[in-house]
Amino acid sequence: MNYVVVYEKSASGWGAYVPDLPGVVTTAKTKEEAQRLIREAIEFHLEGLREDNAPIPEPSASAEVVTVSS
């Protein structure tokens, strides 16, 4: 499954969240660490859903970069 992950840079590091999996978020000092942690968070969340026999949300979010003139 391919889920969209949004990464946001802040003054103190990076945050990441998954629009299709509410509550799956992480923060880290580097983007690389945020990438590792969000992957682990997704896997942990999906494992919990499976253990609870809960439905696995289908990926539905999409993203794109839009370039505008300044």
PDB file of N, CA and C in Angstrom:
ATOM      1  N   MET A   1       0.850  -1.176   0.000  1.00  0.00           N
ATOM      2  CA  MET A   1       0.000   0.000   0.000  1.00  0.00           C
ATOM      3  C   MET A   1       0.890   1.233   0.000  1.00  0.00           C
ATOM      4  N   ASN A   2       0.459   2.244  -0.708  1.00  0.00           N
ATOM      5  CA  ASN A   2       1.209   3.494  -0.805  1.00  0.00           C
ATOM      6  C   ASN A   2       0.381   4.619  -0.201  1.00  0.00           C
ATOM      7  N   TYR A   3       0.826   5.134   0.926  1.00  0.00           N
ATOM      8  CA  TYR A   3       0.146   6.242   1.584  1.00  0.00           C
ATOM      9  C   TYR A   3       0.927   7.530   1.368  1.00  0.00           C
ATOM     10  N   VAL A   4       0.217   8.631   1.169  1.00  0.00           N
ATOM     11  CA  VAL A   4       0.846   9.941   1.072  1.00  0.00           C
ATOM     12  C   VAL A   4       1.297  10.344   2.474  1.00  0.00           C
ATOM     13  N   VAL A   5       2.527  10.811   2.574  1.00  0.00           N
ATOM     14  CA  VAL A   5       3.066  11.349   3.814  1.00  0.00           C
ATOM     15  C   VAL A   5       3.420  12.811   3.558  1.00  0.00           C
ATOM     16  N   VAL A   6       2.976  13.681   4.446  1.00  0.00           N
ATOM     17  CA  VAL A   6       3.287  15.104   4.341  1.00  0.00           C
ATOM     18  C   VAL A   6       4.392  15.410   5.342  1.00  0.00           C
ATOM     19  N   TYR A   7       5.471  16.026   4.851  1.00  0.00           N
ATOM     20  CA  TYR A   7       6.588  16.441   5.698  1.00  0.00           C
ATOM     21  C   TYR A   7       6.577  17.956   5.796  1.00  0.00           C
ATOM     22  N   GLU A   8       6.743  18.456   7.013  1.00  0.00           N
ATOM     23  CA  GLU A   8       6.774  19.897   7.229  1.00  0.00           C
ATOM     24  C   GLU A   8       7.992  20.261   8.058  1.00  0.00           C
ATOM     25  N   LYS A   9       8.773  21.229   7.562  1.00  0.00           N
ATOM     26  CA  LYS A   9       9.942  21.712   8.292  1.00  0.00           C
ATOM     27  C   LYS A   9       9.502  22.791   9.271  1.00  0.00           C
ATOM     28  N   SER A  10      10.048  22.721  10.482  1.00  0.00           N
ATOM     29  CA  SER A  10       9.770  23.744  11.488  1.00  0.00           C
ATOM     30  C   SER A  10      11.095  24.338  11.958  1.00  0.00           C
ATOM     31  N   ALA A  11      11.020  25.269  12.869  1.00  0.00           N
ATOM     32  CA  ALA A  11      12.234  25.887  13.396  1.00  0.00           C
ATOM     33  C   ALA A  11      13.099  24.883  14.163  1.00  0.00           C
ATOM     34  N   SER A  12      12.476  23.841  14.699  1.00  0.00           N
ATOM     35  CA  SER A  12      13.231  22.888  15.525  1.00  0.00           C
ATOM     36  C   SER A  12      13.410  21.517  14.890  1.00  0.00           C
ATOM     37  N   GLY A  13      12.930  21.299  13.687  1.00  0.00           N
ATOM     38  CA  GLY A  13      13.093  19.989  13.053  1.00  0.00           C
ATOM     39  C   GLY A  13      12.053  19.732  11.982  1.00  0.00           C
ATOM     40  N   TRP A  14      11.549  18.501  11.956  1.00  0.00           N
ATOM     41  CA  TRP A  14      10.595  18.061  10.939  1.00  0.00           C
ATOM     42  C   TRP A  14       9.405  17.363  11.582  1.00  0.00           C
ATOM     43  N   GLY A  15       8.253  17.538  10.977  1.00  0.00           N
ATOM     44  CA  GLY A  15       7.060  16.808  11.349  1.00  0.00           C
ATOM     45  C   GLY A  15       6.583  16.025  10.143  1.00  0.00           C
ATOM     46  N   ALA A  16       5.840  14.961  10.393  1.00  0.00           N
ATOM     47  CA  ALA A  16       5.282  14.163   9.299  1.00  0.00           C
ATOM     48  C   ALA A  16       3.934  13.620   9.742  1.00  0.00           C
ATOM     49  N   TYR A  17       2.996  13.552   8.779  1.00  0.00           N
ATOM     50  CA  TYR A  17       1.695  12.946   9.069  1.00  0.00           C
ATOM     51  C   TYR A  17       1.148  12.299   7.806  1.00  0.00           C
ATOM     52  N   VAL A  18       0.167  11.414   8.039  1.00  0.00           N
ATOM     53  CA  VAL A  18      -0.427  10.634   6.950  1.00  0.00           C
ATOM     54  C   VAL A  18      -1.909  11.003   6.870  1.00  0.00           C
ATOM     55  N   PRO A  19      -2.338  11.737   5.835  1.00  0.00           N
ATOM     56  CA  PRO A  19      -3.734  12.174   5.754  1.00  0.00           C
ATOM     57  C   PRO A  19      -4.752  11.036   5.813  1.00  0.00           C
ATOM     58  N   ASP A  20      -4.423   9.886   5.269  1.00  0.00           N
ATOM     59  CA  ASP A  20      -5.369   8.761   5.247  1.00  0.00           C
ATOM     60  C   ASP A  20      -5.405   7.966   6.551  1.00  0.00           C
ATOM     61  N   LEU A  21      -4.482   8.262   7.468  1.00  0.00           N
ATOM     62  CA  LEU A  21      -4.420   7.533   8.740  1.00  0.00           C
ATOM     63  C   LEU A  21      -4.392   8.555   9.874  1.00  0.00           C
ATOM     64  N   PRO A  22      -5.542   9.094  10.235  1.00  0.00           N
ATOM     65  CA  PRO A  22      -5.591  10.109  11.294  1.00  0.00           C
ATOM     66  C   PRO A  22      -4.882   9.642  12.563  1.00  0.00           C
ATOM     67  N   GLY A  23      -4.085  10.533  13.122  1.00  0.00           N
ATOM     68  CA  GLY A  23      -3.360  10.214  14.339  1.00  0.00           C
ATOM     69  C   GLY A  23      -1.975   9.654  14.112  1.00  0.00           C
ATOM     70  N   VAL A  24      -1.645   9.296  12.877  1.00  0.00           N
ATOM     71  CA  VAL A  24      -0.309   8.784  12.584  1.00  0.00           C
ATOM     72  C   VAL A  24       0.567   9.987  12.251  1.00  0.00           C
ATOM     73  N   VAL A  25       1.336  10.406  13.250  1.00  0.00           N
ATOM     74  CA  VAL A  25       2.190  11.593  13.131  1.00  0.00           C
ATOM     75  C   VAL A  25       3.518  11.319  13.816  1.00  0.00           C
ATOM     76  N   THR A  26       4.517  12.109  13.480  1.00  0.00           N
ATOM     77  CA  THR A  26       5.804  12.027  14.159  1.00  0.00           C
ATOM     78  C   THR A  26       6.530  13.351  14.024  1.00  0.00           C
ATOM     79  N   THR A  27       7.499  13.555  14.884  1.00  0.00           N
ATOM     80  CA  THR A  27       8.398  14.695  14.784  1.00  0.00           C
ATOM     81  C   THR A  27       9.819  14.187  14.983  1.00  0.00           C
ATOM     82  N   ALA A  28      10.772  14.915  14.412  1.00  0.00           N
ATOM     83  CA  ALA A  28      12.174  14.514  14.515  1.00  0.00           C
ATOM     84  C   ALA A  28      13.065  15.718  14.225  1.00  0.00           C
ATOM     85  N   LYS A  29      14.329  15.579  14.544  1.00  0.00           N
ATOM     86  CA  LYS A  29      15.278  16.665  14.288  1.00  0.00           C
ATOM     87  C   LYS A  29      15.661  16.755  12.816  1.00  0.00           C
ATOM     88  N   THR A  30      15.683  15.604  12.116  1.00  0.00           N
ATOM     89  CA  THR A  30      16.048  15.603  10.703  1.00  0.00           C
ATOM     90  C   THR A  30      14.933  14.987   9.870  1.00  0.00           C
ATOM     91  N   LYS A  31      14.934  15.310   8.592  1.00  0.00           N
ATOM     92  CA  LYS A  31      13.920  14.723   7.706  1.00  0.00           C
ATOM     93  C   LYS A  31      14.125  13.214   7.592  1.00  0.00           C
ATOM     94  N   GLU A  32      15.378  12.786   7.547  1.00  0.00           N
ATOM     95  CA  GLU A  32      15.665  11.354   7.428  1.00  0.00           C
ATOM     96  C   GLU A  32      15.107  10.594   8.632  1.00  0.00           C
ATOM     97  N   GLU A  33      15.261  11.158   9.814  1.00  0.00           N
ATOM     98  CA  GLU A  33      14.721  10.518  11.010  1.00  0.00           C
ATOM     99  C   GLU A  33      13.192  10.508  10.971  1.00  0.00           C
ATOM    100  N   ALA A  34      12.593  11.612  10.508  1.00  0.00           N
ATOM    101  CA  ALA A  34      11.133  11.676  10.385  1.00  0.00           C
ATOM    102  C   ALA A  34      10.642  10.625   9.396  1.00  0.00           C
ATOM    103  N   GLN A  35      11.368  10.425   8.307  1.00  0.00           N
ATOM    104  CA  GLN A  35      10.980   9.413   7.322  1.00  0.00           C
ATOM    105  C   GLN A  35      10.995   8.023   7.935  1.00  0.00           C
ATOM    106  N   ARG A  36      12.024   7.722   8.715  1.00  0.00           N
ATOM    107  CA  ARG A  36      12.121   6.412   9.360  1.00  0.00           C
ATOM    108  C   ARG A  36      11.004   6.228  10.382  1.00  0.00           C
ATOM    109  N   LEU A  37      10.777   7.252  11.193  1.00  0.00           N
ATOM    110  CA  LEU A  37       9.774   7.154  12.244  1.00  0.00           C
ATOM    111  C   LEU A  37       8.355   7.062  11.694  1.00  0.00           C
ATOM    112  N   ILE A  38       8.054   7.790  10.606  1.00  0.00           N
ATOM    113  CA  ILE A  38       6.687   7.739  10.073  1.00  0.00           C
ATOM    114  C   ILE A  38       6.425   6.373   9.440  1.00  0.00           C
ATOM    115  N   ARG A  39       7.441   5.782   8.826  1.00  0.00           N
ATOM    116  CA  ARG A  39       7.279   4.423   8.271  1.00  0.00           C
ATOM    117  C   ARG A  39       6.963   3.448   9.404  1.00  0.00           C
ATOM    118  N   GLU A  40       7.707   3.549  10.504  1.00  0.00           N
ATOM    119  CA  GLU A  40       7.452   2.687  11.656  1.00  0.00           C
ATOM    120  C   GLU A  40       6.057   2.930  12.229  1.00  0.00           C
ATOM    121  N   ALA A  41       5.645   4.192  12.285  1.00  0.00           N
ATOM    122  CA  ALA A  41       4.322   4.530  12.820  1.00  0.00           C
ATOM    123  C   ALA A  41       3.210   3.951  11.942  1.00  0.00           C
ATOM    124  N   ILE A  42       3.382   4.025  10.631  1.00  0.00           N
ATOM    125  CA  ILE A  42       2.387   3.462   9.711  1.00  0.00           C
ATOM    126  C   ILE A  42       2.299   1.956   9.918  1.00  0.00           C
ATOM    127  N   GLU A  43       3.442   1.284   9.937  1.00  0.00           N
ATOM    128  CA  GLU A  43       3.452  -0.170  10.100  1.00  0.00           C
ATOM    129  C   GLU A  43       2.812  -0.575  11.431  1.00  0.00           C
ATOM    130  N   PHE A  44       3.135   0.132  12.508  1.00  0.00           N
ATOM    131  CA  PHE A  44       2.576  -0.157  13.817  1.00  0.00           C
ATOM    132  C   PHE A  44       1.064   0.049  13.827  1.00  0.00           C
ATOM    133  N   HIS A  45       0.612   1.137  13.212  1.00  0.00           N
ATOM    134  CA  HIS A  45      -0.828   1.437  13.156  1.00  0.00           C
ATOM    135  C   HIS A  45      -1.582   0.353  12.381  1.00  0.00           C
ATOM    136  N   LEU A  46      -1.064  -0.017  11.223  1.00  0.00           N
ATOM    137  CA  LEU A  46      -1.728  -1.039  10.408  1.00  0.00           C
ATOM    138  C   LEU A  46      -1.735  -2.391  11.121  1.00  0.00           C
ATOM    139  N   GLU A  47      -0.642  -2.707  11.814  1.00  0.00           N
ATOM    140  CA  GLU A  47      -0.585  -3.953  12.579  1.00  0.00           C
ATOM    141  C   GLU A  47      -1.669  -3.970  13.660  1.00  0.00           C
ATOM    142  N   GLY A  48      -1.847  -2.849  14.333  1.00  0.00           N
ATOM    143  CA  GLY A  48      -2.889  -2.753  15.351  1.00  0.00           C
ATOM    144  C   GLY A  48      -4.281  -2.916  14.777  1.00  0.00           C
ATOM    145  N   LEU A  49      -4.510  -2.310  13.622  1.00  0.00           N
ATOM    146  CA  LEU A  49      -5.814  -2.454  12.966  1.00  0.00           C
ATOM    147  C   LEU A  49      -6.077  -3.917  12.612  1.00  0.00           C
ATOM    148  N   ARG A  50      -5.049  -4.598  12.090  1.00  0.00           N
ATOM    149  CA  ARG A  50      -5.203  -6.016  11.738  1.00  0.00           C
ATOM    150  C   ARG A  50      -5.515  -6.857  12.980  1.00  0.00           C
ATOM    151  N   GLU A  51      -4.790  -6.597  14.069  1.00  0.00           N
ATOM    152  CA  GLU A  51      -5.013  -7.349  15.308  1.00  0.00           C
ATOM    153  C   GLU A  51      -6.425  -7.152  15.845  1.00  0.00           C
ATOM    154  N   ASP A  52      -6.974  -5.953  15.632  1.00  0.00           N
ATOM    155  CA  ASP A  52      -8.334  -5.645  16.088  1.00  0.00           C
ATOM    156  C   ASP A  52      -9.398  -6.023  15.060  1.00  0.00           C
ATOM    157  N   ASN A  53      -8.976  -6.640  13.952  1.00  0.00           N
ATOM    158  CA  ASN A  53      -9.880  -6.972  12.845  1.00  0.00           C
ATOM    159  C   ASN A  53     -10.643  -5.744  12.355  1.00  0.00           C
ATOM    160  N   ALA A  54      -9.985  -4.609  12.411  1.00  0.00           N
ATOM    161  CA  ALA A  54     -10.575  -3.357  11.926  1.00  0.00           C
ATOM    162  C   ALA A  54     -10.201  -3.176  10.457  1.00  0.00           C
ATOM    163  N   PRO A  55     -11.020  -2.448   9.724  1.00  0.00           N
ATOM    164  CA  PRO A  55     -10.701  -2.236   8.308  1.00  0.00           C
ATOM    165  C   PRO A  55      -9.430  -1.397   8.137  1.00  0.00           C
ATOM    166  N   ILE A  56      -8.671  -1.734   7.130  1.00  0.00           N
ATOM    167  CA  ILE A  56      -7.471  -0.975   6.769  1.00  0.00           C
ATOM    168  C   ILE A  56      -7.907   0.114   5.778  1.00  0.00           C
ATOM    169  N   PRO A  57      -7.692   1.387   6.106  1.00  0.00           N
ATOM    170  CA  PRO A  57      -8.098   2.454   5.185  1.00  0.00           C
ATOM    171  C   PRO A  57      -7.347   2.356   3.854  1.00  0.00           C
ATOM    172  N   GLU A  58      -8.095   2.445   2.789  1.00  0.00           N
ATOM    173  CA  GLU A  58      -7.488   2.467   1.460  1.00  0.00           C
ATOM    174  C   GLU A  58      -6.823   3.827   1.254  1.00  0.00           C
ATOM    175  N   PRO A  59      -5.636   3.840   0.676  1.00  0.00           N
ATOM    176  CA  PRO A  59      -5.012   5.122   0.367  1.00  0.00           C
ATOM    177  C   PRO A  59      -5.888   5.910  -0.607  1.00  0.00           C
ATOM    178  N   SER A  60      -6.165   7.160  -0.275  1.00  0.00           N
ATOM    179  CA  SER A  60      -6.992   7.968  -1.171  1.00  0.00           C
ATOM    180  C   SER A  60      -6.438   9.375  -1.361  1.00  0.00           C
ATOM    181  N   ALA A  61      -5.540   9.807  -0.483  1.00  0.00           N
ATOM    182  CA  ALA A  61      -4.978  11.158  -0.603  1.00  0.00           C
ATOM    183  C   ALA A  61      -4.017  11.211  -1.786  1.00  0.00           C
ATOM    184  N   SER A  62      -3.905  12.372  -2.356  1.00  0.00           N
ATOM    185  CA  SER A  62      -2.909  12.598  -3.400  1.00  0.00           C
ATOM    186  C   SER A  62      -2.255  13.946  -3.123  1.00  0.00           C
ATOM    187  N   ALA A  63      -1.118  14.163  -3.716  1.00  0.00           N
ATOM    188  CA  ALA A  63      -0.384  15.406  -3.511  1.00  0.00           C
ATOM    189  C   ALA A  63       0.326  15.789  -4.777  1.00  0.00           C
ATOM    190  N   GLU A  64       0.580  17.057  -4.908  1.00  0.00           N
ATOM    191  CA  GLU A  64       1.378  17.541  -6.019  1.00  0.00           C
ATOM    192  C   GLU A  64       2.018  18.849  -5.616  1.00  0.00           C
ATOM    193  N   VAL A  65       3.071  19.195  -6.294  1.00  0.00           N
ATOM    194  CA  VAL A  65       3.729  20.474  -6.101  1.00  0.00           C
ATOM    195  C   VAL A  65       3.230  21.409  -7.191  1.00  0.00           C
ATOM    196  N   VAL A  66       2.778  22.577  -6.786  1.00  0.00           N
ATOM    197  CA  VAL A  66       2.273  23.569  -7.735  1.00  0.00           C
ATOM    198  C   VAL A  66       3.260  24.723  -7.762  1.00  0.00           C
ATOM    199  N   THR A  67       3.739  25.069  -8.940  1.00  0.00           N
ATOM    200  CA  THR A  67       4.693  26.168  -9.107  1.00  0.00           C
ATOM    201  C   THR A  67       3.911  27.417  -9.524  1.00  0.00           C
ATOM    202  N   VAL A  68       4.170  28.508  -8.831  1.00  0.00           N
ATOM    203  CA  VAL A  68       3.539  29.782  -9.171  1.00  0.00           C
ATOM    204  C   VAL A  68       4.624  30.832  -9.356  1.00  0.00           C
ATOM    205  N   SER A  69       4.303  31.862 -10.124  1.00  0.00           N
ATOM    206  CA  SER A  69       5.243  32.975 -10.307  1.00  0.00           C
ATOM    207  C   SER A  69       5.233  33.853  -9.077  1.00  0.00           C
ATOM    208  N   SER A  70       6.391  34.371  -8.727  1.00  0.00           N
ATOM    209  CA  SER A  70       6.434  35.269  -7.571  1.00  0.00           C
ATOM    210  C   SER A  70       6.601  36.706  -8.000  1.00  0.00           C
TER     211      SER A  70
END
